[in-house]
Amino acid sequence: MSFIKTDYSKNEESNFEPLPSDNYEMIIQSAQERATKNGAESLQLKLVVRNDLDGVSDNQKKYHNRIVFMDNWKRKATNQYDMQGFQYILDACKIPEGTDIPTIQAFMDMISGKPVNVYVKKEENEYDGKTTEVNRVAPWNVQETKYPDVQHKFKDPNQTNTKAPEIDDDSLPF
């Protein structure tokens, strides 16, 4: 028995070029708060192209498992997030009207793992004198999925929506 037999039929070209502008069925894999080295803060959504919907479009099929990050920046003037932008995301995730969300962590937990339909735009970005192509997603371009029965398989099953266990101070040994 041999160690391996060559079979290149499943080899895929992988690159990190931005996705073509299009609507994609995606999953909000995770959400996290982050900050730049200059202190600008954002809530970043990690969106992954679903791999269970080959018949939706050529791009949907071609870009299985590709990741697009969506940053929701705090406003400099107020140091607050644009709550209206979050409303589009909550609506797309089908969070019931009138739901009280007490913390940013609760918001992140509530939307993580939800399927959504996202218009991803490919555009040029100029930064530090260099122009590159990037993907942008605006909150109003996040809509309810057309395919709520999710059969997506994550490449790494441990990457799915696991959150740290909640531990109260009384449980700590120190």
Protein backbone atom coordinates (compact mmCIF):
# COMPACT_ATOMS: atom_id res chain seq x y z
CA MET A 1 0.00 0.00 0.00
CA SER A 2 1.37 3.40 -0.95
CA PHE A 3 1.72 6.44 1.25
CA ILE A 4 -0.21 8.65 -1.17
CA LYS A 5 -1.59 8.55 -4.68
CA THR A 6 -1.60 11.80 -6.61
CA ASP A 7 -5.07 13.24 -7.23
CA TYR A 8 -5.22 16.95 -8.07
CA SER A 9 -8.94 17.06 -8.82
CA LYS A 10 -9.76 18.72 -5.49
CA ASN A 11 -6.94 21.26 -5.54
CA GLU A 12 -8.32 24.76 -5.50
CA GLU A 13 -6.62 28.01 -6.36
CA SER A 14 -6.36 30.05 -3.19
CA ASN A 15 -5.57 33.72 -3.16
CA PHE A 16 -6.38 36.65 -0.99
CA GLU A 17 -7.80 38.93 -3.65
CA PRO A 18 -11.05 40.63 -2.71
CA LEU A 19 -14.28 38.91 -3.68
CA PRO A 20 -16.04 40.25 -6.77
CA SER A 21 -18.91 42.63 -5.99
CA ASP A 22 -22.00 40.48 -5.53
CA ASN A 23 -24.61 39.23 -3.08
CA TYR A 24 -23.36 36.31 -1.01
CA GLU A 25 -25.06 34.02 1.44
CA MET A 26 -22.81 34.14 4.48
CA ILE A 27 -22.61 33.26 8.15
CA ILE A 28 -21.55 35.72 10.82
CA GLN A 29 -18.89 33.43 12.18
CA SER A 30 -17.91 35.73 15.02
CA ALA A 31 -17.89 39.28 16.29
CA GLN A 32 -15.27 41.04 18.36
CA GLU A 33 -14.30 44.49 19.54
CA ARG A 34 -10.89 45.65 18.42
CA ALA A 35 -8.78 48.79 18.27
CA THR A 36 -6.11 50.12 15.92
CA LYS A 37 -2.72 51.12 17.28
CA ASN A 38 -3.95 54.73 17.08
CA GLY A 39 -6.90 53.91 19.32
CA ALA A 40 -9.76 53.83 16.78
CA GLU A 41 -12.26 51.22 17.99
CA SER A 42 -14.56 48.99 15.99
CA LEU A 43 -16.84 46.02 16.29
CA GLN A 44 -15.62 43.63 13.63
CA LEU A 45 -17.79 40.91 12.12
CA LYS A 46 -16.11 37.91 10.55
CA LEU A 47 -18.32 36.79 7.65
CA VAL A 48 -17.75 33.51 5.85
CA VAL A 49 -19.20 32.55 2.45
CA ARG A 50 -21.47 29.55 2.94
CA ASN A 51 -20.37 26.29 1.30
CA ASP A 52 -23.81 24.67 1.23
CA LEU A 53 -25.39 26.71 -1.56
CA ASP A 54 -23.67 25.86 -4.84
CA GLY A 55 -26.78 26.55 -6.92
CA VAL A 56 -27.23 30.15 -5.76
CA SER A 57 -24.61 31.76 -8.01
CA ASP A 58 -21.27 31.11 -9.66
CA ASN A 59 -19.53 33.38 -7.13
CA GLN A 60 -21.24 31.64 -4.20
CA LYS A 61 -19.89 28.32 -5.47
CA LYS A 62 -16.45 29.61 -6.42
CA TYR A 63 -15.72 31.40 -3.14
CA HIS A 64 -16.80 28.84 -0.54
CA ASN A 65 -15.35 29.54 2.90
CA ARG A 66 -13.83 32.89 1.93
CA ILE A 67 -13.81 35.40 4.75
CA VAL A 68 -14.76 39.06 4.64
CA PHE A 69 -14.34 41.31 7.66
CA MET A 70 -16.86 44.06 8.31
CA ASP A 71 -15.82 46.85 10.65
CA ASN A 72 -18.37 49.01 12.44
CA TRP A 73 -16.32 51.97 13.70
CA LYS A 74 -17.09 54.07 16.73
CA ARG A 75 -17.77 57.69 15.76
CA LYS A 76 -14.89 59.99 16.65
CA ALA A 77 -17.19 62.81 17.76
CA THR A 78 -19.20 60.69 20.21
CA ASN A 79 -16.97 57.65 20.81
CA GLN A 80 -20.14 55.57 20.28
CA TYR A 81 -21.17 53.00 17.70
CA ASP A 82 -23.79 53.84 15.09
CA MET A 83 -26.71 52.02 16.66
CA GLN A 84 -28.83 52.37 13.51
CA GLY A 85 -26.21 50.36 11.62
CA PHE A 86 -26.55 47.62 14.23
CA GLN A 87 -30.34 47.61 13.67
CA TYR A 88 -29.84 46.42 10.08
CA ILE A 89 -27.68 43.53 11.31
CA LEU A 90 -30.14 42.58 14.05
CA ASP A 91 -33.03 42.68 11.57
CA ALA A 92 -31.10 40.48 9.11
CA CYS A 93 -30.43 38.00 11.94
CA LYS A 94 -34.19 37.96 12.71
CA ILE A 95 -33.79 39.09 16.31
CA PRO A 96 -37.38 39.80 17.42
CA GLU A 97 -38.57 43.42 17.47
CA GLY A 98 -38.34 44.93 20.96
CA THR A 99 -35.58 42.61 22.19
CA ASP A 100 -33.53 44.34 24.89
CA ILE A 101 -29.81 43.77 24.39
CA PRO A 102 -28.03 44.85 27.58
CA THR A 103 -24.36 44.76 26.51
CA ILE A 104 -22.12 44.76 23.46
CA GLN A 105 -21.14 41.19 24.43
CA ALA A 106 -24.80 40.15 24.37
CA PHE A 107 -25.11 41.75 20.92
CA MET A 108 -22.06 39.83 19.66
CA ASP A 109 -23.33 36.54 21.11
CA MET A 110 -26.79 37.11 19.61
CA ILE A 111 -25.58 37.60 16.02
CA SER A 112 -22.71 35.10 15.96
CA GLY A 113 -23.53 32.01 13.94
CA LYS A 114 -26.46 33.60 12.13
CA PRO A 115 -26.89 33.23 8.35
CA VAL A 116 -27.31 36.46 6.39
CA ASN A 117 -27.38 37.69 2.81
CA VAL A 118 -24.65 40.27 2.26
CA TYR A 119 -23.84 42.59 -0.62
CA VAL A 120 -20.04 42.67 -0.75
CA LYS A 121 -18.56 45.54 -2.72
CA LYS A 122 -15.08 45.45 -4.25
CA GLU A 123 -13.53 48.91 -4.28
CA GLU A 124 -10.22 50.73 -4.26
CA ASN A 125 -8.77 51.92 -0.99
CA GLU A 126 -5.96 54.44 -0.67
CA TYR A 127 -3.91 54.29 2.50
CA ASP A 128 -0.43 55.61 3.21
CA GLY A 129 0.08 56.48 -0.46
CA LYS A 130 -0.80 52.98 -1.71
CA THR A 131 -3.97 51.96 -3.54
CA THR A 132 -5.28 48.44 -3.05
CA GLU A 133 -8.53 46.64 -3.77
CA VAL A 134 -10.60 45.73 -0.72
CA ASN A 135 -14.04 44.42 0.14
CA ARG A 136 -16.54 46.65 1.93
CA VAL A 137 -19.82 45.75 3.53
CA ALA A 138 -22.18 48.45 4.73
CA PRO A 139 -24.64 47.56 7.52
CA TRP A 140 -27.62 48.34 5.26
CA ASN A 141 -26.26 45.72 2.84
CA VAL A 142 -26.77 42.94 5.39
CA GLN A 143 -30.17 41.34 4.88
CA GLU A 144 -32.12 38.27 5.91
CA THR A 145 -30.85 35.06 4.34
CA LYS A 146 -32.89 33.54 1.57
CA TYR A 147 -31.78 30.09 2.79
CA PRO A 148 -32.36 29.70 6.55
CA ASP A 149 -31.68 25.93 6.55
CA VAL A 150 -27.93 26.08 7.13
CA GLN A 151 -25.87 23.03 6.17
CA HIS A 152 -22.56 24.91 6.05
CA LYS A 153 -19.55 22.92 7.25
CA PHE A 154 -16.74 24.96 8.80
CA LYS A 155 -13.25 23.95 7.71
CA ASP A 156 -12.25 23.84 11.37
CA PRO A 157 -15.22 22.74 13.47
CA ASN A 158 -13.62 24.41 16.50
CA GLN A 159 -14.01 27.80 14.79
CA THR A 160 -17.75 27.82 15.16
CA ASN A 161 -19.47 29.99 17.66
CA THR A 162 -17.82 28.99 20.86
CA LYS A 163 -17.73 31.57 23.55
CA ALA A 164 -15.72 31.58 26.71
CA PRO A 165 -17.52 30.15 29.69
CA GLU A 166 -18.85 32.71 32.13
CA ILE A 167 -17.16 32.52 35.52
CA ASP A 168 -18.16 34.60 38.49
CA ASP A 169 -15.68 35.88 41.08
CA ASP A 170 -16.85 33.33 43.68
CA SER A 171 -15.65 30.49 41.43
CA LEU A 172 -12.06 31.76 41.28
CA PRO A 173 -9.50 30.11 43.58
CA PHE A 174 -7.82 33.42 44.47
